[in-house]
Amino acid sequence: MTAALVRPRHEAMIAGVCAGIANRFGWSVGLVRLAFVLSMILPGPQILLYLGLWILMPKADR
């Protein structure tokens, strides 16, 4: 069974979106954050995607 796509309460730096994605797919949180920061160099809707996920992803239960 895979983990749900939720924002963790304790691993969050800003909103927990990158940590939630990393936990869901079993990736390193640091690598997901690095990939997001590096993607900011490219033109595109990265900030809008992040904000949308921040709104849509529920917080993890305590």
PDB file of N, CA and C in Angstrom:
ATOM      1  N   MET A   1       0.840  -1.181   0.000  1.00  0.00           N
ATOM      2  CA  MET A   1       0.000   0.000   0.000  1.00  0.00           C
ATOM      3  C   MET A   1       0.883   1.242   0.000  1.00  0.00           C
ATOM      4  N   THR A   2       0.551   2.217  -0.817  1.00  0.00           N
ATOM      5  CA  THR A   2       1.346   3.434  -0.907  1.00  0.00           C
ATOM      6  C   THR A   2       0.798   4.492   0.043  1.00  0.00           C
ATOM      7  N   ALA A   3       1.681   5.397   0.402  1.00  0.00           N
ATOM      8  CA  ALA A   3       1.277   6.499   1.288  1.00  0.00           C
ATOM      9  C   ALA A   3       0.400   7.478   0.513  1.00  0.00           C
ATOM     10  N   ALA A   4      -0.444   8.149   1.237  1.00  0.00           N
ATOM     11  CA  ALA A   4      -1.317   9.147   0.618  1.00  0.00           C
ATOM     12  C   ALA A   4      -0.524  10.416   0.322  1.00  0.00           C
ATOM     13  N   LEU A   5      -1.022  11.206  -0.584  1.00  0.00           N
ATOM     14  CA  LEU A   5      -0.384  12.470  -0.932  1.00  0.00           C
ATOM     15  C   LEU A   5      -0.891  13.533   0.034  1.00  0.00           C
ATOM     16  N   VAL A   6      -0.171  13.706   1.132  1.00  0.00           N
ATOM     17  CA  VAL A   6      -0.525  14.679   2.164  1.00  0.00           C
ATOM     18  C   VAL A   6       0.715  15.480   2.533  1.00  0.00           C
ATOM     19  N   ARG A   7       0.496  16.672   3.084  1.00  0.00           N
ATOM     20  CA  ARG A   7       1.593  17.513   3.548  1.00  0.00           C
ATOM     21  C   ARG A   7       1.909  17.144   4.988  1.00  0.00           C
ATOM     22  N   PRO A   8       3.136  16.689   5.262  1.00  0.00           N
ATOM     23  CA  PRO A   8       3.495  16.330   6.641  1.00  0.00           C
ATOM     24  C   PRO A   8       3.602  17.561   7.523  1.00  0.00           C
ATOM     25  N   ARG A   9       3.374  17.356   8.800  1.00  0.00           N
ATOM     26  CA  ARG A   9       3.423  18.468   9.737  1.00  0.00           C
ATOM     27  C   ARG A   9       4.843  18.741  10.237  1.00  0.00           C
ATOM     28  N   HIS A  10       5.698  17.729  10.281  1.00  0.00           N
ATOM     29  CA  HIS A  10       7.004  17.889  10.906  1.00  0.00           C
ATOM     30  C   HIS A  10       8.157  18.031   9.921  1.00  0.00           C
ATOM     31  N   GLU A  11       7.998  17.644   8.671  1.00  0.00           N
ATOM     32  CA  GLU A  11       9.083  17.713   7.699  1.00  0.00           C
ATOM     33  C   GLU A  11       8.969  18.937   6.795  1.00  0.00           C
ATOM     34  N   ALA A  12       8.027  19.796   7.049  1.00  0.00           N
ATOM     35  CA  ALA A  12       7.764  20.926   6.158  1.00  0.00           C
ATOM     36  C   ALA A  12       8.783  22.046   6.355  1.00  0.00           C
ATOM     37  N   MET A  13       9.269  22.589   5.234  1.00  0.00           N
ATOM     38  CA  MET A  13      10.110  23.791   5.307  1.00  0.00           C
ATOM     39  C   MET A  13       9.238  25.023   5.120  1.00  0.00           C
ATOM     40  N   ILE A  14       8.440  25.027   4.072  1.00  0.00           N
ATOM     41  CA  ILE A  14       7.529  26.151   3.832  1.00  0.00           C
ATOM     42  C   ILE A  14       6.104  25.660   4.032  1.00  0.00           C
ATOM     43  N   ALA A  15       5.636  24.822   3.124  1.00  0.00           N
ATOM     44  CA  ALA A  15       4.269  24.315   3.230  1.00  0.00           C
ATOM     45  C   ALA A  15       4.219  22.798   3.314  1.00  0.00           C
ATOM     46  N   GLY A  16       5.326  22.133   3.021  1.00  0.00           N
ATOM     47  CA  GLY A  16       5.359  20.677   3.080  1.00  0.00           C
ATOM     48  C   GLY A  16       5.010  19.991   1.775  1.00  0.00           C
ATOM     49  N   VAL A  17       4.890  20.746   0.702  1.00  0.00           N
ATOM     50  CA  VAL A  17       4.515  20.165  -0.589  1.00  0.00           C
ATOM     51  C   VAL A  17       5.606  19.229  -1.091  1.00  0.00           C
ATOM     52  N   CYS A  18       6.850  19.678  -1.085  1.00  0.00           N
ATOM     53  CA  CYS A  18       7.957  18.837  -1.568  1.00  0.00           C
ATOM     54  C   CYS A  18       8.126  17.602  -0.679  1.00  0.00           C
ATOM     55  N   ALA A  19       7.996  17.771   0.623  1.00  0.00           N
ATOM     56  CA  ALA A  19       8.106  16.634   1.538  1.00  0.00           C
ATOM     57  C   ALA A  19       6.964  15.646   1.318  1.00  0.00           C
ATOM     58  N   GLY A  20       5.772  16.141   1.049  1.00  0.00           N
ATOM     59  CA  GLY A  20       4.636  15.258   0.783  1.00  0.00           C
ATOM     60  C   GLY A  20       4.819  14.456  -0.494  1.00  0.00           C
ATOM     61  N   ILE A  21       5.337  15.102  -1.536  1.00  0.00           N
ATOM     62  CA  ILE A  21       5.599  14.397  -2.796  1.00  0.00           C
ATOM     63  C   ILE A  21       6.685  13.354  -2.590  1.00  0.00           C
ATOM     64  N   ALA A  22       7.762  13.723  -1.880  1.00  0.00           N
ATOM     65  CA  ALA A  22       8.856  12.785  -1.625  1.00  0.00           C
ATOM     66  C   ALA A  22       8.368  11.582  -0.821  1.00  0.00           C
ATOM     67  N   ASN A  23       7.580  11.815   0.205  1.00  0.00           N
ATOM     68  CA  ASN A  23       7.061  10.710   1.023  1.00  0.00           C
ATOM     69  C   ASN A  23       6.139   9.804   0.220  1.00  0.00           C
ATOM     70  N   ARG A  24       5.325  10.378  -0.634  1.00  0.00           N
ATOM     71  CA  ARG A  24       4.360   9.608  -1.428  1.00  0.00           C
ATOM     72  C   ARG A  24       5.056   8.633  -2.367  1.00  0.00           C
ATOM     73  N   PHE A  25       6.147   9.090  -2.996  1.00  0.00           N
ATOM     74  CA  PHE A  25       6.822   8.271  -3.992  1.00  0.00           C
ATOM     75  C   PHE A  25       8.085   7.591  -3.474  1.00  0.00           C
ATOM     76  N   GLY A  26       8.417   7.792  -2.207  1.00  0.00           N
ATOM     77  CA  GLY A  26       9.578   7.145  -1.609  1.00  0.00           C
ATOM     78  C   GLY A  26      10.896   7.752  -2.044  1.00  0.00           C
ATOM     79  N   TRP A  27      10.893   9.026  -2.404  1.00  0.00           N
ATOM     80  CA  TRP A  27      12.097   9.729  -2.845  1.00  0.00           C
ATOM     81  C   TRP A  27      12.703  10.486  -1.675  1.00  0.00           C
ATOM     82  N   SER A  28      13.924  10.954  -1.866  1.00  0.00           N
ATOM     83  CA  SER A  28      14.596  11.779  -0.876  1.00  0.00           C
ATOM     84  C   SER A  28      13.968  13.172  -0.867  1.00  0.00           C
ATOM     85  N   VAL A  29      13.656  13.670   0.321  1.00  0.00           N
ATOM     86  CA  VAL A  29      13.053  14.995   0.443  1.00  0.00           C
ATOM     87  C   VAL A  29      14.015  16.058  -0.080  1.00  0.00           C
ATOM     88  N   GLY A  30      15.286  15.914   0.235  1.00  0.00           N
ATOM     89  CA  GLY A  30      16.276  16.879  -0.217  1.00  0.00           C
ATOM     90  C   GLY A  30      16.381  16.941  -1.735  1.00  0.00           C
ATOM     91  N   LEU A  31      16.293  15.791  -2.388  1.00  0.00           N
ATOM     92  CA  LEU A  31      16.366  15.777  -3.845  1.00  0.00           C
ATOM     93  C   LEU A  31      15.136  16.412  -4.485  1.00  0.00           C
ATOM     94  N   VAL A  32      13.972  16.201  -3.902  1.00  0.00           N
ATOM     95  CA  VAL A  32      12.755  16.819  -4.445  1.00  0.00           C
ATOM     96  C   VAL A  32      12.832  18.333  -4.284  1.00  0.00           C
ATOM     97  N   ARG A  33      13.307  18.792  -3.140  1.00  0.00           N
ATOM     98  CA  ARG A  33      13.457  20.237  -2.921  1.00  0.00           C
ATOM     99  C   ARG A  33      14.493  20.819  -3.887  1.00  0.00           C
ATOM    100  N   LEU A  34      15.600  20.114  -4.086  1.00  0.00           N
ATOM    101  CA  LEU A  34      16.628  20.576  -5.010  1.00  0.00           C
ATOM    102  C   LEU A  34      16.083  20.639  -6.434  1.00  0.00           C
ATOM    103  N   ALA A  35      15.338  19.618  -6.838  1.00  0.00           N
ATOM    104  CA  ALA A  35      14.753  19.610  -8.180  1.00  0.00           C
ATOM    105  C   ALA A  35      13.791  20.786  -8.356  1.00  0.00           C
ATOM    106  N   PHE A  36      13.018  21.094  -7.332  1.00  0.00           N
ATOM    107  CA  PHE A  36      12.098  22.229  -7.426  1.00  0.00           C
ATOM    108  C   PHE A  36      12.856  23.541  -7.555  1.00  0.00           C
ATOM    109  N   VAL A  37      13.885  23.721  -6.738  1.00  0.00           N
ATOM    110  CA  VAL A  37      14.663  24.960  -6.790  1.00  0.00           C
ATOM    111  C   VAL A  37      15.351  25.095  -8.150  1.00  0.00           C
ATOM    112  N   LEU A  38      15.924  24.009  -8.654  1.00  0.00           N
ATOM    113  CA  LEU A  38      16.570  24.060  -9.960  1.00  0.00           C
ATOM    114  C   LEU A  38      15.564  24.301 -11.079  1.00  0.00           C
ATOM    115  N   SER A  39      14.343  23.807 -10.912  1.00  0.00           N
ATOM    116  CA  SER A  39      13.327  24.026 -11.948  1.00  0.00           C
ATOM    117  C   SER A  39      12.910  25.492 -12.028  1.00  0.00           C
ATOM    118  N   MET A  40      13.181  26.255 -10.981  1.00  0.00           N
ATOM    119  CA  MET A  40      12.834  27.671 -10.988  1.00  0.00           C
ATOM    120  C   MET A  40      13.651  28.452 -12.021  1.00  0.00           C
ATOM    121  N   ILE A  41      14.771  27.888 -12.465  1.00  0.00           N
ATOM    122  CA  ILE A  41      15.593  28.526 -13.492  1.00  0.00           C
ATOM    123  C   ILE A  41      14.853  28.533 -14.826  1.00  0.00           C
ATOM    124  N   LEU A  42      14.070  27.497 -15.074  1.00  0.00           N
ATOM    125  CA  LEU A  42      13.345  27.354 -16.328  1.00  0.00           C
ATOM    126  C   LEU A  42      12.051  28.164 -16.299  1.00  0.00           C
ATOM    127  N   PRO A  43      11.636  28.657 -17.446  1.00  0.00           N
ATOM    128  CA  PRO A  43      10.339  29.347 -17.478  1.00  0.00           C
ATOM    129  C   PRO A  43       9.205  28.339 -17.337  1.00  0.00           C
ATOM    130  N   GLY A  44       8.172  28.749 -16.661  1.00  0.00           N
ATOM    131  CA  GLY A  44       7.028  27.861 -16.499  1.00  0.00           C
ATOM    132  C   GLY A  44       6.227  28.185 -15.254  1.00  0.00           C
ATOM    133  N   PRO A  45       5.195  27.404 -15.026  1.00  0.00           N
ATOM    134  CA  PRO A  45       4.260  27.683 -13.925  1.00  0.00           C
ATOM    135  C   PRO A  45       4.622  26.985 -12.607  1.00  0.00           C
ATOM    136  N   GLN A  46       5.906  26.887 -12.276  1.00  0.00           N
ATOM    137  CA  GLN A  46       6.305  26.152 -11.073  1.00  0.00           C
ATOM    138  C   GLN A  46       5.695  26.740  -9.807  1.00  0.00           C
ATOM    139  N   ILE A  47       5.721  28.045  -9.666  1.00  0.00           N
ATOM    140  CA  ILE A  47       5.169  28.685  -8.466  1.00  0.00           C
ATOM    141  C   ILE A  47       3.663  28.448  -8.382  1.00  0.00           C
ATOM    142  N   LEU A  48       2.979  28.560  -9.513  1.00  0.00           N
ATOM    143  CA  LEU A  48       1.528  28.321  -9.506  1.00  0.00           C
ATOM    144  C   LEU A  48       1.213  26.882  -9.153  1.00  0.00           C
ATOM    145  N   LEU A  49       2.014  25.944  -9.659  1.00  0.00           N
ATOM    146  CA  LEU A  49       1.817  24.533  -9.334  1.00  0.00           C
ATOM    147  C   LEU A  49       2.036  24.305  -7.837  1.00  0.00           C
ATOM    148  N   TYR A  50       3.092  24.888  -7.295  1.00  0.00           N
ATOM    149  CA  TYR A  50       3.372  24.760  -5.864  1.00  0.00           C
ATOM    150  C   TYR A  50       2.225  25.327  -5.028  1.00  0.00           C
ATOM    151  N   LEU A  51       1.769  26.529  -5.375  1.00  0.00           N
ATOM    152  CA  LEU A  51       0.664  27.135  -4.637  1.00  0.00           C
ATOM    153  C   LEU A  51      -0.615  26.311  -4.756  1.00  0.00           C
ATOM    154  N   GLY A  52      -0.879  25.775  -5.935  1.00  0.00           N
ATOM    155  CA  GLY A  52      -2.050  24.927  -6.123  1.00  0.00           C
ATOM    156  C   GLY A  52      -1.983  23.669  -5.278  1.00  0.00           C
ATOM    157  N   LEU A  53      -0.809  23.040  -5.237  1.00  0.00           N
ATOM    158  CA  LEU A  53      -0.661  21.846  -4.396  1.00  0.00           C
ATOM    159  C   LEU A  53      -0.757  22.194  -2.923  1.00  0.00           C
ATOM    160  N   TRP A  54      -0.269  23.357  -2.542  1.00  0.00           N
ATOM    161  CA  TRP A  54      -0.369  23.806  -1.153  1.00  0.00           C
ATOM    162  C   TRP A  54      -1.841  23.896  -0.745  1.00  0.00           C
ATOM    163  N   ILE A  55      -2.656  24.379  -1.642  1.00  0.00           N
ATOM    164  CA  ILE A  55      -4.087  24.527  -1.351  1.00  0.00           C
ATOM    165  C   ILE A  55      -4.804  23.182  -1.390  1.00  0.00           C
ATOM    166  N   LEU A  56      -4.468  22.346  -2.372  1.00  0.00           N
ATOM    167  CA  LEU A  56      -5.212  21.100  -2.591  1.00  0.00           C
ATOM    168  C   LEU A  56      -4.764  19.927  -1.704  1.00  0.00           C
ATOM    169  N   MET A  57      -3.490  19.884  -1.345  1.00  0.00           N
ATOM    170  CA  MET A  57      -2.995  18.753  -0.532  1.00  0.00           C
ATOM    171  C   MET A  57      -3.407  18.942   0.920  1.00  0.00           C
ATOM    172  N   PRO A  58      -4.094  17.964   1.494  1.00  0.00           N
ATOM    173  CA  PRO A  58      -4.473  18.097   2.913  1.00  0.00           C
ATOM    174  C   PRO A  58      -3.256  17.873   3.818  1.00  0.00           C
ATOM    175  N   LYS A  59      -3.335  18.434   5.016  1.00  0.00           N
ATOM    176  CA  LYS A  59      -2.297  18.185   6.014  1.00  0.00           C
ATOM    177  C   LYS A  59      -2.450  16.769   6.554  1.00  0.00           C
ATOM    178  N   ALA A  60      -1.335  16.168   6.923  1.00  0.00           N
ATOM    179  CA  ALA A  60      -1.367  14.826   7.492  1.00  0.00           C
ATOM    180  C   ALA A  60      -2.042  14.857   8.866  1.00  0.00           C
ATOM    181  N   ASP A  61      -2.669  13.745   9.207  1.00  0.00           N
ATOM    182  CA  ASP A  61      -3.263  13.630  10.540  1.00  0.00           C
ATOM    183  C   ASP A  61      -2.163  13.599  11.587  1.00  0.00           C
ATOM    184  N   ARG A  62      -2.507  13.994  12.775  1.00  0.00           N
ATOM    185  CA  ARG A  62      -1.508  14.009  13.852  1.00  0.00           C
ATOM    186  C   ARG A  62      -1.155  12.647  14.286  1.00  0.00           C
TER     187      ARG A  62
END
